Amino acid sequence: MKKFFTVLAVFSTSLFLCGITLPAQAAEFNSIDAVKSKITFTTKLMGSNLNGGFSKFSGKVDFNPDQAEKAKANLVIEIASFNAGGDDLQEEARGKDWFNTKSFPTANFVSDSVKNLGNNRLEIAGKLSIKGKAMPLTMVVTYQVQGKQVIFDSSFQLLRLDYGLGAGNWADTSAVANEVPVKVHLVLNSN
């Protein structure tokens, strides 16, 4: 046994002296921290800014910083967790003219491809499904590894009418803007 440890010590020292290091295994991040993560938006309603978000979402994300281009994401947003304005506005948003949460309780984003842009930036392409309509979505994401967590931040613009959000009188873009800037702050824990 003593001979084994001597050989191991000599081998390790030789690697060190030759400048060879064994690769460290990168952390895998895939558990969404629902408390620290958030999806928010801003829109114009009757000429005023309206800020809101969705407080409940889940899904599966697989991310390894050493193989960022192999990342996968499947996020599920519970539409009934919509929060913006007062109770009347939230109830209206859950109705048929807007999200129709009885028929479409969730929205979903599934990534198709990830391109590593360097400097902790990724271009993620996929499909966003809202109210039964799947549309392509590409976003640039920045990420930071902080110990046992990785933090992703992204923003993109959603066109609400593409998804049938705001039918009838609400289709008027002078009342409610068609462009909806969305921000995603996603925190993943390593297992």
N, C-alpha and C. Protein backbone atom coordinates (compact mmCIF):
# COMPACT_ATOMS: atom_id res chain seq x y z
N MET A 1 0.82 -1.19 0.00
CA MET A 1 0.00 0.00 0.00
C MET A 1 0.87 1.25 0.00
N LYS A 2 1.95 1.21 0.78
CA LYS A 2 2.86 2.35 0.85
C LYS A 2 3.46 2.62 -0.53
N LYS A 3 3.75 1.54 -1.26
CA LYS A 3 4.34 1.67 -2.59
C LYS A 3 3.35 2.36 -3.54
N PHE A 4 2.05 2.02 -3.41
CA PHE A 4 1.01 2.62 -4.27
C PHE A 4 0.96 4.14 -4.06
N PHE A 5 0.98 4.58 -2.79
CA PHE A 5 0.92 6.02 -2.51
C PHE A 5 2.19 6.73 -2.98
N THR A 6 3.33 6.06 -2.90
CA THR A 6 4.58 6.65 -3.39
C THR A 6 4.51 6.85 -4.90
N VAL A 7 4.01 5.83 -5.63
CA VAL A 7 3.87 5.93 -7.09
C VAL A 7 2.88 7.04 -7.44
N LEU A 8 1.76 7.12 -6.71
CA LEU A 8 0.76 8.15 -6.95
C LEU A 8 1.36 9.55 -6.73
N ALA A 9 2.14 9.71 -5.67
CA ALA A 9 2.76 10.99 -5.37
C ALA A 9 3.77 11.37 -6.45
N VAL A 10 4.55 10.43 -6.93
CA VAL A 10 5.54 10.70 -7.98
C VAL A 10 4.82 11.07 -9.27
N PHE A 11 3.75 10.35 -9.60
CA PHE A 11 2.97 10.62 -10.82
C PHE A 11 2.36 12.03 -10.75
N SER A 12 1.76 12.38 -9.64
CA SER A 12 1.14 13.70 -9.48
C SER A 12 2.18 14.81 -9.56
N THR A 13 3.33 14.60 -8.92
CA THR A 13 4.40 15.58 -8.97
C THR A 13 4.91 15.75 -10.39
N SER A 14 5.05 14.65 -11.12
CA SER A 14 5.51 14.70 -12.51
C SER A 14 4.55 15.51 -13.37
N LEU A 15 3.25 15.29 -13.20
CA LEU A 15 2.26 16.05 -13.96
C LEU A 15 2.38 17.54 -13.65
N PHE A 16 2.53 17.84 -12.36
CA PHE A 16 2.63 19.24 -11.95
C PHE A 16 3.87 19.90 -12.55
N LEU A 17 5.02 19.21 -12.48
CA LEU A 17 6.27 19.76 -12.99
C LEU A 17 6.26 19.92 -14.51
N CYS A 18 5.51 19.06 -15.19
CA CYS A 18 5.40 19.15 -16.66
C CYS A 18 4.35 20.16 -17.08
N GLY A 19 3.67 20.75 -16.14
CA GLY A 19 2.65 21.73 -16.47
C GLY A 19 1.34 21.10 -16.94
N ILE A 20 1.14 19.84 -16.68
CA ILE A 20 -0.09 19.16 -17.09
C ILE A 20 -1.04 19.15 -15.91
N THR A 21 -2.24 19.59 -16.16
CA THR A 21 -3.24 19.53 -15.11
C THR A 21 -4.41 18.72 -15.59
N LEU A 22 -4.98 17.99 -14.70
CA LEU A 22 -6.17 17.22 -15.04
C LEU A 22 -7.38 18.14 -15.01
N PRO A 23 -8.29 18.02 -15.99
CA PRO A 23 -9.43 18.94 -16.02
C PRO A 23 -10.36 18.74 -14.83
N ALA A 24 -10.80 19.85 -14.30
CA ALA A 24 -11.78 19.78 -13.21
C ALA A 24 -13.15 19.62 -13.85
N GLN A 25 -13.97 18.86 -13.20
CA GLN A 25 -15.31 18.66 -13.74
C GLN A 25 -16.16 19.89 -13.45
N ALA A 26 -16.71 20.46 -14.51
CA ALA A 26 -17.54 21.66 -14.36
C ALA A 26 -18.86 21.30 -13.70
N ALA A 27 -19.40 22.26 -13.01
CA ALA A 27 -20.67 22.06 -12.34
C ALA A 27 -21.80 22.02 -13.35
N GLU A 28 -22.77 21.19 -13.09
CA GLU A 28 -24.00 21.13 -13.89
C GLU A 28 -25.05 21.92 -13.12
N PHE A 29 -25.72 22.82 -13.81
CA PHE A 29 -26.77 23.63 -13.19
C PHE A 29 -28.09 23.26 -13.85
N ASN A 30 -29.08 22.87 -13.04
CA ASN A 30 -30.35 22.48 -13.65
C ASN A 30 -31.57 22.62 -12.73
N SER A 31 -31.40 23.14 -11.57
CA SER A 31 -32.53 23.29 -10.65
C SER A 31 -32.90 24.77 -10.56
N ILE A 32 -34.10 25.13 -11.02
CA ILE A 32 -34.53 26.53 -11.01
C ILE A 32 -34.83 26.98 -9.58
N ASP A 33 -34.22 28.09 -9.19
CA ASP A 33 -34.50 28.70 -7.89
C ASP A 33 -35.69 29.64 -8.09
N ALA A 34 -36.89 29.14 -7.81
CA ALA A 34 -38.12 29.88 -8.08
C ALA A 34 -38.24 31.15 -7.24
N VAL A 35 -37.60 31.18 -6.08
CA VAL A 35 -37.68 32.36 -5.21
C VAL A 35 -36.86 33.52 -5.79
N LYS A 36 -35.70 33.22 -6.34
CA LYS A 36 -34.81 34.27 -6.84
C LYS A 36 -35.04 34.61 -8.32
N SER A 37 -35.72 33.75 -9.05
CA SER A 37 -35.94 33.97 -10.48
C SER A 37 -37.20 34.79 -10.70
N LYS A 38 -37.23 35.52 -11.84
CA LYS A 38 -38.43 36.30 -12.12
C LYS A 38 -38.54 36.61 -13.61
N ILE A 39 -39.77 36.75 -14.06
CA ILE A 39 -40.08 37.17 -15.42
C ILE A 39 -40.94 38.42 -15.29
N THR A 40 -40.46 39.53 -15.85
CA THR A 40 -41.18 40.79 -15.73
C THR A 40 -41.38 41.41 -17.11
N PHE A 41 -42.28 42.36 -17.19
CA PHE A 41 -42.54 43.06 -18.45
C PHE A 41 -42.96 44.49 -18.16
N THR A 42 -42.90 45.30 -19.20
CA THR A 42 -43.39 46.67 -19.15
C THR A 42 -44.17 46.89 -20.43
N THR A 43 -45.29 47.54 -20.35
CA THR A 43 -46.05 47.87 -21.56
C THR A 43 -46.68 49.25 -21.37
N LYS A 44 -47.21 49.76 -22.44
CA LYS A 44 -47.93 51.05 -22.38
C LYS A 44 -49.42 50.75 -22.39
N LEU A 45 -50.11 51.24 -21.39
CA LEU A 45 -51.57 51.10 -21.28
C LEU A 45 -52.14 52.50 -21.16
N MET A 46 -52.90 52.91 -22.17
CA MET A 46 -53.51 54.25 -22.20
C MET A 46 -52.46 55.35 -22.00
N GLY A 47 -51.26 55.15 -22.58
CA GLY A 47 -50.20 56.15 -22.52
C GLY A 47 -49.32 56.09 -21.29
N SER A 48 -49.65 55.24 -20.33
CA SER A 48 -48.85 55.12 -19.11
C SER A 48 -48.12 53.79 -19.07
N ASN A 49 -46.97 53.78 -18.40
CA ASN A 49 -46.24 52.52 -18.24
C ASN A 49 -46.97 51.60 -17.28
N LEU A 50 -47.05 50.34 -17.65
CA LEU A 50 -47.62 49.31 -16.77
C LEU A 50 -46.56 48.24 -16.59
N ASN A 51 -46.13 48.05 -15.35
CA ASN A 51 -45.14 47.03 -15.03
C ASN A 51 -45.83 45.83 -14.42
N GLY A 52 -45.33 44.65 -14.74
CA GLY A 52 -45.91 43.44 -14.18
C GLY A 52 -44.99 42.26 -14.34
N GLY A 53 -45.54 41.08 -14.10
CA GLY A 53 -44.73 39.87 -14.22
C GLY A 53 -45.55 38.63 -13.98
N PHE A 54 -44.84 37.52 -13.97
CA PHE A 54 -45.42 36.21 -13.68
C PHE A 54 -44.65 35.64 -12.50
N SER A 55 -45.36 35.29 -11.45
CA SER A 55 -44.68 34.87 -10.22
C SER A 55 -44.47 33.36 -10.12
N LYS A 56 -45.09 32.58 -11.01
CA LYS A 56 -44.93 31.12 -10.93
C LYS A 56 -44.50 30.57 -12.28
N PHE A 57 -43.35 29.93 -12.26
CA PHE A 57 -42.90 29.21 -13.44
C PHE A 57 -41.95 28.10 -12.99
N SER A 58 -41.82 27.12 -13.84
CA SER A 58 -40.99 25.96 -13.54
C SER A 58 -40.40 25.46 -14.85
N GLY A 59 -39.89 24.26 -14.83
CA GLY A 59 -39.37 23.68 -16.05
C GLY A 59 -38.06 22.96 -15.83
N LYS A 60 -37.40 22.69 -16.93
CA LYS A 60 -36.14 21.96 -16.89
C LYS A 60 -35.10 22.72 -17.70
N VAL A 61 -33.97 22.97 -17.08
CA VAL A 61 -32.85 23.63 -17.74
C VAL A 61 -31.61 22.81 -17.43
N ASP A 62 -30.80 22.53 -18.45
CA ASP A 62 -29.52 21.85 -18.26
C ASP A 62 -28.44 22.77 -18.78
N PHE A 63 -27.49 23.13 -17.92
CA PHE A 63 -26.44 24.06 -18.31
C PHE A 63 -25.11 23.67 -17.67
N ASN A 64 -24.08 23.59 -18.49
CA ASN A 64 -22.72 23.37 -18.05
C ASN A 64 -21.88 24.48 -18.69
N PRO A 65 -21.27 25.37 -17.90
CA PRO A 65 -20.53 26.49 -18.48
C PRO A 65 -19.42 26.07 -19.44
N ASP A 66 -18.85 24.87 -19.25
CA ASP A 66 -17.79 24.39 -20.14
C ASP A 66 -18.34 23.87 -21.46
N GLN A 67 -19.63 23.64 -21.53
CA GLN A 67 -20.27 23.17 -22.77
C GLN A 67 -21.56 23.96 -22.97
N ALA A 68 -21.43 25.27 -22.95
CA ALA A 68 -22.59 26.16 -22.98
C ALA A 68 -23.48 25.93 -24.21
N GLU A 69 -22.87 25.60 -25.35
CA GLU A 69 -23.66 25.41 -26.57
C GLU A 69 -24.55 24.16 -26.52
N LYS A 70 -24.37 23.32 -25.51
CA LYS A 70 -25.21 22.14 -25.35
C LYS A 70 -26.36 22.37 -24.36
N ALA A 71 -26.52 23.60 -23.91
CA ALA A 71 -27.57 23.93 -22.94
C ALA A 71 -28.95 23.64 -23.53
N LYS A 72 -29.87 23.29 -22.66
CA LYS A 72 -31.26 23.02 -23.05
C LYS A 72 -32.17 23.70 -22.04
N ALA A 73 -33.30 24.20 -22.55
CA ALA A 73 -34.27 24.84 -21.65
C ALA A 73 -35.69 24.52 -22.09
N ASN A 74 -36.52 24.26 -21.11
CA ASN A 74 -37.95 24.07 -21.32
C ASN A 74 -38.64 24.72 -20.12
N LEU A 75 -39.07 25.97 -20.30
CA LEU A 75 -39.68 26.73 -19.21
C LEU A 75 -41.19 26.74 -19.36
N VAL A 76 -41.89 26.57 -18.26
CA VAL A 76 -43.35 26.58 -18.23
C VAL A 76 -43.79 27.71 -17.31
N ILE A 77 -44.55 28.66 -17.86
CA ILE A 77 -45.01 29.82 -17.09
C ILE A 77 -46.49 29.64 -16.79
N GLU A 78 -46.85 29.73 -15.52
CA GLU A 78 -48.26 29.65 -15.12
C GLU A 78 -48.89 31.03 -15.34
N ILE A 79 -49.75 31.11 -16.34
CA ILE A 79 -50.32 32.40 -16.75
C ILE A 79 -51.20 33.01 -15.66
N ALA A 80 -51.86 32.18 -14.88
CA ALA A 80 -52.72 32.71 -13.81
C ALA A 80 -51.92 33.47 -12.76
N SER A 81 -50.59 33.33 -12.77
CA SER A 81 -49.77 34.06 -11.80
C SER A 81 -49.44 35.47 -12.30
N PHE A 82 -50.07 35.89 -13.39
CA PHE A 82 -49.93 37.24 -13.93
C PHE A 82 -50.23 38.27 -12.85
N ASN A 83 -49.35 39.25 -12.71
CA ASN A 83 -49.63 40.32 -11.75
C ASN A 83 -49.20 41.66 -12.33
N ALA A 84 -50.16 42.53 -12.48
CA ALA A 84 -49.94 43.90 -12.96
C ALA A 84 -51.21 44.69 -12.68
N GLY A 85 -51.05 45.93 -12.29
CA GLY A 85 -52.23 46.75 -12.03
C GLY A 85 -53.04 46.18 -10.87
N GLY A 86 -54.31 46.54 -10.83
CA GLY A 86 -55.18 46.09 -9.75
C GLY A 86 -55.89 44.78 -10.07
N ASP A 87 -56.78 44.40 -9.18
CA ASP A 87 -57.53 43.14 -9.32
C ASP A 87 -58.34 43.09 -10.61
N ASP A 88 -58.98 44.21 -10.98
CA ASP A 88 -59.80 44.23 -12.20
C ASP A 88 -58.96 43.96 -13.44
N LEU A 89 -57.81 44.59 -13.50
CA LEU A 89 -56.92 44.39 -14.65
C LEU A 89 -56.40 42.96 -14.71
N GLN A 90 -56.06 42.40 -13.57
CA GLN A 90 -55.58 41.03 -13.54
C GLN A 90 -56.67 40.05 -13.98
N GLU A 91 -57.89 40.31 -13.55
CA GLU A 91 -59.01 39.44 -13.96
C GLU A 91 -59.25 39.57 -15.46
N GLU A 92 -59.17 40.79 -15.99
CA GLU A 92 -59.33 41.01 -17.43
C GLU A 92 -58.25 40.27 -18.22
N ALA A 93 -57.01 40.30 -17.73
CA ALA A 93 -55.89 39.64 -18.42
C ALA A 93 -56.07 38.13 -18.47
N ARG A 94 -56.74 37.56 -17.49
CA ARG A 94 -56.97 36.10 -17.48
C ARG A 94 -58.12 35.69 -18.40
N GLY A 95 -58.91 36.66 -18.86
CA GLY A 95 -60.10 36.39 -19.67
C GLY A 95 -59.78 36.03 -21.12
N LYS A 96 -60.86 35.73 -21.88
CA LYS A 96 -60.73 35.24 -23.26
C LYS A 96 -60.05 36.22 -24.20
N ASP A 97 -60.26 37.52 -24.01
CA ASP A 97 -59.64 38.50 -24.92
C ASP A 97 -58.13 38.58 -24.76
N TRP A 98 -57.64 38.16 -23.61
CA TRP A 98 -56.20 38.24 -23.37
C TRP A 98 -55.60 36.84 -23.30
N PHE A 99 -55.27 36.34 -22.13
CA PHE A 99 -54.57 35.06 -22.01
C PHE A 99 -55.48 33.83 -22.05
N ASN A 100 -56.76 34.00 -21.75
CA ASN A 100 -57.70 32.87 -21.74
C ASN A 100 -57.13 31.71 -20.91
N THR A 101 -56.88 31.98 -19.64
CA THR A 101 -56.20 31.01 -18.79
C THR A 101 -56.99 29.72 -18.57
N LYS A 102 -58.31 29.75 -18.77
CA LYS A 102 -59.08 28.50 -18.61
C LYS A 102 -58.71 27.51 -19.70
N SER A 103 -58.53 27.98 -20.92
CA SER A 103 -58.16 27.11 -22.04
C SER A 103 -56.65 26.95 -22.20
N PHE A 104 -55.90 27.96 -21.80
CA PHE A 104 -54.44 27.96 -21.97
C PHE A 104 -53.76 28.38 -20.66
N PRO A 105 -53.69 27.48 -19.69
CA PRO A 105 -53.18 27.84 -18.36
C PRO A 105 -51.68 28.12 -18.31
N THR A 106 -50.94 27.67 -19.32
CA THR A 106 -49.49 27.88 -19.29
C THR A 106 -48.97 28.43 -20.62
N ALA A 107 -47.84 29.08 -20.54
CA ALA A 107 -47.04 29.45 -21.71
C ALA A 107 -45.77 28.62 -21.60
N ASN A 108 -45.07 28.45 -22.73
CA ASN A 108 -43.94 27.54 -22.73
C ASN A 108 -42.84 28.07 -23.65
N PHE A 109 -41.60 28.02 -23.17
CA PHE A 109 -40.45 28.31 -24.03
C PHE A 109 -39.58 27.07 -24.08
N VAL A 110 -39.27 26.61 -25.31
CA VAL A 110 -38.38 25.46 -25.52
C VAL A 110 -37.24 25.90 -26.42
N SER A 111 -36.02 25.70 -25.96
CA SER A 111 -34.86 26.08 -26.78
C SER A 111 -34.63 25.05 -27.88
N ASP A 112 -34.19 25.55 -29.04
CA ASP A 112 -33.82 24.68 -30.17
C ASP A 112 -32.30 24.64 -30.34
N SER A 113 -31.66 25.78 -30.12
CA SER A 113 -30.20 25.84 -30.31
C SER A 113 -29.61 26.93 -29.42
N VAL A 114 -28.33 26.75 -29.11
CA VAL A 114 -27.60 27.72 -28.30
C VAL A 114 -26.27 27.98 -28.99
N LYS A 115 -25.97 29.25 -29.17
CA LYS A 115 -24.70 29.65 -29.76
C LYS A 115 -23.91 30.40 -28.71
N ASN A 116 -22.68 29.96 -28.48
CA ASN A 116 -21.81 30.61 -27.50
C ASN A 116 -21.18 31.84 -28.15
N LEU A 117 -21.49 33.02 -27.66
CA LEU A 117 -20.96 34.28 -28.20
C LEU A 117 -19.68 34.72 -27.50
N GLY A 118 -19.25 33.98 -26.49
CA GLY A 118 -18.07 34.34 -25.71
C GLY A 118 -18.40 35.37 -24.65
N ASN A 119 -17.47 35.60 -23.75
CA ASN A 119 -17.65 36.58 -22.66
C ASN A 119 -18.95 36.37 -21.89
N ASN A 120 -19.27 35.11 -21.61
CA ASN A 120 -20.47 34.76 -20.83
C ASN A 120 -21.76 35.25 -21.47
N ARG A 121 -21.80 35.19 -22.82
CA ARG A 121 -23.00 35.57 -23.56
C ARG A 121 -23.40 34.42 -24.46
N LEU A 122 -24.70 34.16 -24.52
CA LEU A 122 -25.25 33.10 -25.36
C LEU A 122 -26.37 33.67 -26.22
N GLU A 123 -26.51 33.12 -27.41
CA GLU A 123 -27.68 33.41 -28.23
C GLU A 123 -28.54 32.16 -28.22
N ILE A 124 -29.73 32.27 -27.65
CA ILE A 124 -30.62 31.12 -27.52
C ILE A 124 -31.79 31.30 -28.46
N ALA A 125 -31.99 30.30 -29.31
CA ALA A 125 -33.12 30.31 -30.24
C ALA A 125 -34.07 29.19 -29.85
N GLY A 126 -35.35 29.47 -29.96
CA GLY A 126 -36.35 28.46 -29.62
C GLY A 126 -37.73 28.91 -30.03
N LYS A 127 -38.73 28.32 -29.38
CA LYS A 127 -40.12 28.69 -29.67
C LYS A 127 -40.82 29.05 -28.36
N LEU A 128 -41.55 30.16 -28.42
CA LEU A 128 -42.37 30.60 -27.30
C LEU A 128 -43.81 30.35 -27.69
N SER A 129 -44.51 29.58 -26.86
CA SER A 129 -45.92 29.27 -27.10
C SER A 129 -46.78 29.97 -26.06
N ILE A 130 -47.70 30.79 -26.55
CA ILE A 130 -48.66 31.48 -25.69
C ILE A 130 -50.02 31.33 -26.35
N LYS A 131 -51.01 30.94 -25.57
CA LYS A 131 -52.38 30.85 -26.06
C LYS A 131 -52.47 29.94 -27.30
N GLY A 132 -51.67 28.86 -27.28
CA GLY A 132 -51.71 27.87 -28.35
C GLY A 132 -50.96 28.26 -29.61
N LYS A 133 -50.28 29.40 -29.61
CA LYS A 133 -49.53 29.85 -30.80
C LYS A 133 -48.05 29.81 -30.50
N ALA A 134 -47.30 29.02 -31.28
CA ALA A 134 -45.86 28.91 -31.12
C ALA A 134 -45.16 29.80 -32.14
N MET A 135 -44.31 30.68 -31.66
CA MET A 135 -43.58 31.62 -32.52
C MET A 135 -42.08 31.50 -32.21
N PRO A 136 -41.24 31.66 -33.25
CA PRO A 136 -39.79 31.62 -32.99
C PRO A 136 -39.37 32.81 -32.13
N LEU A 137 -38.41 32.56 -31.26
CA LEU A 137 -37.88 33.60 -30.39
C LEU A 137 -36.37 33.39 -30.25
N THR A 138 -35.61 34.44 -30.51
CA THR A 138 -34.16 34.41 -30.31
C THR A 138 -33.81 35.51 -29.33
N MET A 139 -33.01 35.17 -28.33
CA MET A 139 -32.61 36.15 -27.33
C MET A 139 -31.13 36.00 -26.99
N VAL A 140 -30.51 37.10 -26.64
CA VAL A 140 -29.14 37.08 -26.15
C VAL A 140 -29.21 37.06 -24.63
N VAL A 141 -28.45 36.14 -24.05
CA VAL A 141 -28.47 35.92 -22.61
C VAL A 141 -27.06 36.12 -22.07
N THR A 142 -26.95 36.81 -20.96
CA THR A 142 -25.67 36.87 -20.25
C THR A 142 -25.79 35.98 -19.02
N TYR A 143 -24.66 35.39 -18.62
CA TYR A 143 -24.71 34.55 -17.42
C TYR A 143 -23.47 34.76 -16.57
N GLN A 144 -23.64 34.48 -15.28
CA GLN A 144 -22.58 34.58 -14.28
C GLN A 144 -22.65 33.37 -13.38
N VAL A 145 -21.54 32.71 -13.20
CA VAL A 145 -21.48 31.61 -12.24
C VAL A 145 -21.05 32.21 -10.91
N GLN A 146 -21.86 31.96 -9.87
CA GLN A 146 -21.56 32.45 -8.53
C GLN A 146 -21.67 31.28 -7.57
N GLY A 147 -20.54 30.61 -7.36
CA GLY A 147 -20.53 29.45 -6.47
C GLY A 147 -21.38 28.33 -7.01
N LYS A 148 -22.40 27.96 -6.27
CA LYS A 148 -23.27 26.85 -6.67
C LYS A 148 -24.49 27.32 -7.44
N GLN A 149 -24.43 28.55 -7.94
CA GLN A 149 -25.54 29.09 -8.74
C GLN A 149 -25.01 29.71 -10.02
N VAL A 150 -25.86 29.72 -11.03
CA VAL A 150 -25.58 30.46 -12.24
C VAL A 150 -26.78 31.38 -12.46
N ILE A 151 -26.50 32.63 -12.83
CA ILE A 151 -27.56 33.63 -13.00
C ILE A 151 -27.60 34.05 -14.46
N PHE A 152 -28.77 33.91 -15.06
CA PHE A 152 -29.00 34.30 -16.45
C PHE A 152 -29.86 35.56 -16.48
N ASP A 153 -29.50 36.49 -17.37
CA ASP A 153 -30.32 37.68 -17.58
C ASP A 153 -30.49 37.89 -19.07
N SER A 154 -31.72 38.19 -19.45
CA SER A 154 -32.02 38.44 -20.85
C SER A 154 -33.19 39.39 -20.95
N SER A 155 -33.28 40.06 -22.08
CA SER A 155 -34.47 40.86 -22.37
C SER A 155 -34.76 40.72 -23.86
N PHE A 156 -36.02 40.77 -24.18
CA PHE A 156 -36.46 40.67 -25.56
C PHE A 156 -37.81 41.38 -25.69
N GLN A 157 -38.21 41.61 -26.91
CA GLN A 157 -39.48 42.27 -27.16
C GLN A 157 -40.48 41.28 -27.73
N LEU A 158 -41.63 41.22 -27.12
CA LEU A 158 -42.71 40.35 -27.57
C LEU A 158 -43.77 41.22 -28.25
N LEU A 159 -44.30 40.75 -29.36
CA LEU A 159 -45.41 41.45 -30.02
C LEU A 159 -46.69 40.73 -29.63
N ARG A 160 -47.48 41.35 -28.78
CA ARG A 160 -48.64 40.68 -28.18
C ARG A 160 -49.67 40.23 -29.20
N LEU A 161 -49.86 40.99 -30.27
CA LEU A 161 -50.88 40.62 -31.27
C LEU A 161 -50.50 39.36 -32.04
N ASP A 162 -49.20 39.04 -32.11
CA ASP A 162 -48.77 37.79 -32.75
C ASP A 162 -49.33 36.58 -32.03
N TYR A 163 -49.61 36.73 -30.75
CA TYR A 163 -50.13 35.63 -29.94
C TYR A 163 -51.63 35.76 -29.67
N GLY A 164 -52.27 36.74 -30.29
CA GLY A 164 -53.70 36.93 -30.06
C GLY A 164 -54.01 37.49 -28.68
N LEU A 165 -53.08 38.23 -28.11
CA LEU A 165 -53.28 38.83 -26.79
C LEU A 165 -53.90 40.22 -26.97
N GLY A 166 -55.13 40.35 -26.56
CA GLY A 166 -55.84 41.61 -26.69
C GLY A 166 -56.75 41.62 -27.90
N ALA A 167 -57.84 40.89 -27.82
CA ALA A 167 -58.80 40.84 -28.93
C ALA A 167 -59.84 41.94 -28.77
N GLY A 168 -60.68 42.09 -29.78
CA GLY A 168 -61.76 43.08 -29.73
C GLY A 168 -61.21 44.49 -29.62
N ASN A 169 -61.78 45.27 -28.70
CA ASN A 169 -61.33 46.65 -28.50
C ASN A 169 -59.87 46.73 -28.06
N TRP A 170 -59.38 45.65 -27.44
CA TRP A 170 -58.00 45.65 -26.95
C TRP A 170 -56.97 45.49 -28.07
N ALA A 171 -57.41 45.17 -29.28
CA ALA A 171 -56.47 45.05 -30.40
C ALA A 171 -55.95 46.42 -30.85
N ASP A 172 -56.58 47.48 -30.40
CA ASP A 172 -56.17 48.84 -30.73
C ASP A 172 -54.83 49.14 -30.04
N THR A 173 -53.78 49.31 -30.85
CA THR A 173 -52.45 49.53 -30.26
C THR A 173 -52.26 50.95 -29.72
N SER A 174 -53.21 51.84 -29.96
CA SER A 174 -53.12 53.15 -29.32
C SER A 174 -53.59 53.07 -27.87
N ALA A 175 -54.38 52.05 -27.54
CA ALA A 175 -54.82 51.84 -26.15
C ALA A 175 -53.79 51.02 -25.37
N VAL A 176 -53.33 49.92 -25.99
CA VAL A 176 -52.32 49.06 -25.38
C VAL A 176 -51.26 48.79 -26.44
N ALA A 177 -50.01 49.10 -26.14
CA ALA A 177 -48.93 48.93 -27.12
C ALA A 177 -48.80 47.47 -27.55
N ASN A 178 -48.48 47.27 -28.81
CA ASN A 178 -48.22 45.92 -29.31
C ASN A 178 -46.88 45.40 -28.80
N GLU A 179 -45.90 46.28 -28.66
CA GLU A 179 -44.57 45.89 -28.20
C GLU A 179 -44.54 45.77 -26.69
N VAL A 180 -44.09 44.61 -26.23
CA VAL A 180 -44.01 44.36 -24.79
C VAL A 180 -42.58 43.93 -24.45
N PRO A 181 -41.76 44.83 -23.88
CA PRO A 181 -40.42 44.44 -23.45
C PRO A 181 -40.51 43.47 -22.26
N VAL A 182 -39.82 42.35 -22.38
CA VAL A 182 -39.82 41.30 -21.34
C VAL A 182 -38.41 41.13 -20.81
N LYS A 183 -38.27 40.95 -19.50
CA LYS A 183 -36.98 40.66 -18.88
C LYS A 183 -37.08 39.33 -18.14
N VAL A 184 -36.05 38.52 -18.32
CA VAL A 184 -35.99 37.23 -17.63
C VAL A 184 -34.73 37.22 -16.75
N HIS A 185 -34.92 36.92 -15.50
CA HIS A 185 -33.82 36.76 -14.53
C HIS A 185 -33.98 35.35 -13.97
N LEU A 186 -33.11 34.45 -14.43
CA LEU A 186 -33.24 33.03 -14.07
C LEU A 186 -32.04 32.60 -13.26
N VAL A 187 -32.30 32.03 -12.08
CA VAL A 187 -31.24 31.55 -11.20
C VAL A 187 -31.34 30.04 -11.13
N LEU A 188 -30.24 29.37 -11.45
CA LEU A 188 -30.18 27.91 -11.38
C LEU A 188 -29.22 27.49 -10.29
N ASN A 189 -29.56 26.41 -9.59
CA ASN A 189 -28.68 25.81 -8.60
C ASN A 189 -28.04 24.57 -9.18
N SER A 190 -26.83 24.26 -8.71
CA SER A 190 -26.18 23.01 -9.13
C SER A 190 -26.66 21.89 -8.21
N ASN A 191 -26.64 20.70 -8.76
CA ASN A 191 -27.05 19.53 -7.95
C ASN A 191 -25.84 18.87 -7.34
